[in-house]
Protein backbone atom coordinates (compact mmCIF):
# COMPACT_ATOMS: atom_id res chain seq x y z
CA MET A 1 111.33 146.45 105.78
CA THR A 2 110.02 149.23 107.06
CA GLY A 3 108.93 152.68 105.70
CA ARG A 4 108.47 153.69 102.73
CA TYR A 5 109.38 150.66 101.25
CA VAL A 6 106.83 148.50 102.25
CA ILE A 7 104.44 150.80 100.58
CA ASP A 8 106.51 150.84 97.52
CA VAL A 9 106.64 146.88 96.98
CA ALA A 10 103.19 146.46 97.96
CA ALA A 11 102.57 149.17 95.10
CA LEU A 12 104.58 147.29 92.79
CA ARG A 13 102.48 143.96 93.53
CA ALA A 14 99.00 145.74 93.13
CA ARG A 15 100.04 146.99 89.79
CA VAL A 16 102.04 144.61 88.21
CA PHE A 17 99.56 141.64 89.37
CA ASP A 18 96.29 143.18 89.77
CA GLY A 19 96.66 146.61 88.03
CA ALA A 20 95.03 147.38 84.16
CA GLY A 21 95.83 144.92 81.53
CA VAL A 22 95.14 142.88 78.65
CA VAL A 23 96.21 139.74 80.47
CA ASP A 24 93.57 138.18 83.10
CA PRO A 25 95.15 139.40 86.79
CA ALA A 26 94.92 135.65 87.55
CA VAL A 27 97.50 134.85 84.75
CA ARG A 28 99.60 137.20 86.13
CA ARG A 29 99.67 136.60 89.52
CA ALA A 30 100.03 132.57 88.59
CA ALA A 31 103.17 133.47 86.47
CA GLY A 32 104.54 135.93 89.11
CA THR A 33 104.09 132.85 92.30
CA GLY A 34 104.59 130.36 90.17
CA THR A 35 101.84 128.45 90.39
CA PRO A 36 100.25 126.68 87.08
CA VAL A 37 99.55 129.35 84.06
CA PRO A 38 97.91 128.37 80.87
CA GLU A 39 99.56 125.63 78.92
CA VAL A 40 100.54 128.54 75.85
CA TRP A 41 102.43 130.17 78.70
CA SER A 42 103.84 127.30 80.77
CA ALA A 43 107.19 127.03 79.53
CA TYR A 44 107.71 130.58 78.51
CA VAL A 45 107.11 131.16 82.00
CA GLY A 46 109.44 128.94 83.40
CA LYS A 47 111.96 129.93 81.46
CA VAL A 48 111.99 133.39 82.14
CA ARG A 49 111.62 132.33 85.80
CA GLU A 50 114.44 129.86 86.20
CA ALA A 51 116.80 131.35 83.40
CA SER A 52 116.11 134.29 81.59
CA TYR A 53 118.93 134.75 79.82
CA LYS A 54 118.27 131.86 77.96
CA ILE A 55 115.23 133.24 76.01
CA THR A 56 115.36 134.00 72.54
CA GLU A 57 113.53 135.50 69.76
CA HIS A 58 112.14 131.44 68.71
CA ASP A 59 110.76 131.49 72.40
CA VAL A 60 108.87 134.58 71.46
CA SER A 61 107.98 133.62 67.81
CA ALA A 62 106.41 130.65 69.49
CA LEU A 63 104.01 132.22 71.94
CA LYS A 64 103.28 134.60 68.99
CA ALA A 65 102.46 131.73 66.71
CA ALA A 66 100.09 130.59 69.20
CA GLY A 67 97.90 133.61 69.25
CA CYS A 68 99.78 135.69 71.71
CA THR A 69 100.11 139.31 71.27
CA GLU A 70 103.42 141.28 71.88
CA GLU A 71 101.20 143.46 74.60
CA GLU A 72 100.46 139.81 76.55
CA ILE A 73 104.21 138.63 76.67
CA PHE A 74 105.42 141.93 77.62
CA GLU A 75 102.72 141.85 80.52
CA VAL A 76 103.32 138.13 81.53
CA THR A 77 107.53 138.69 81.26
CA VAL A 78 106.87 141.59 83.72
CA ALA A 79 105.16 139.49 86.21
CA VAL A 80 107.27 136.34 86.03
CA SER A 81 110.44 138.60 86.81
CA THR A 82 108.96 140.83 89.25
CA GLY A 83 107.02 138.00 91.06
CA ALA A 84 110.89 135.80 91.27
CA ALA A 85 112.70 139.16 92.28
CA LEU A 86 110.23 139.83 94.86
CA GLN A 87 110.53 136.27 96.18
CA ARG A 88 113.90 136.52 96.42
CA LEU A 89 113.96 140.11 98.14
CA ASP A 90 111.13 138.26 100.90
CA LEU A 91 113.86 135.22 100.89
CA GLY A 92 116.66 137.23 101.97
CA LEU A 93 114.63 139.84 104.30
CA ARG A 94 113.68 136.98 106.13
CA ALA A 95 117.34 135.53 106.22
CA MET A 96 118.13 138.80 107.40
CA GLN A 97 115.71 139.06 110.55
CA GLU A 98 116.67 135.38 111.39
CA GLY A 99 120.37 136.04 111.59
CA PRO A 100 123.18 134.19 111.54
């Protein structure tokens, strides 16, 4: 990846994982990279990362019942999905560079 896309992706990473928000940046980074997150987020983060199509209102309600706010849920969801997408992008770009 070259040119402006490198800058755009770096800006996206910085904004999502380290930018202003209500969730601690360390939690957002962990959610985005697949490293351990606080227990309250563990099942949700794994489900979003591996099978986001299976997320239901029940999953969100369970987080709210555990004391998470909608803003926190949103931020963690964005961090997980962005991290998963960027990981796949990195793998794809690496595969293209290595060739057949």
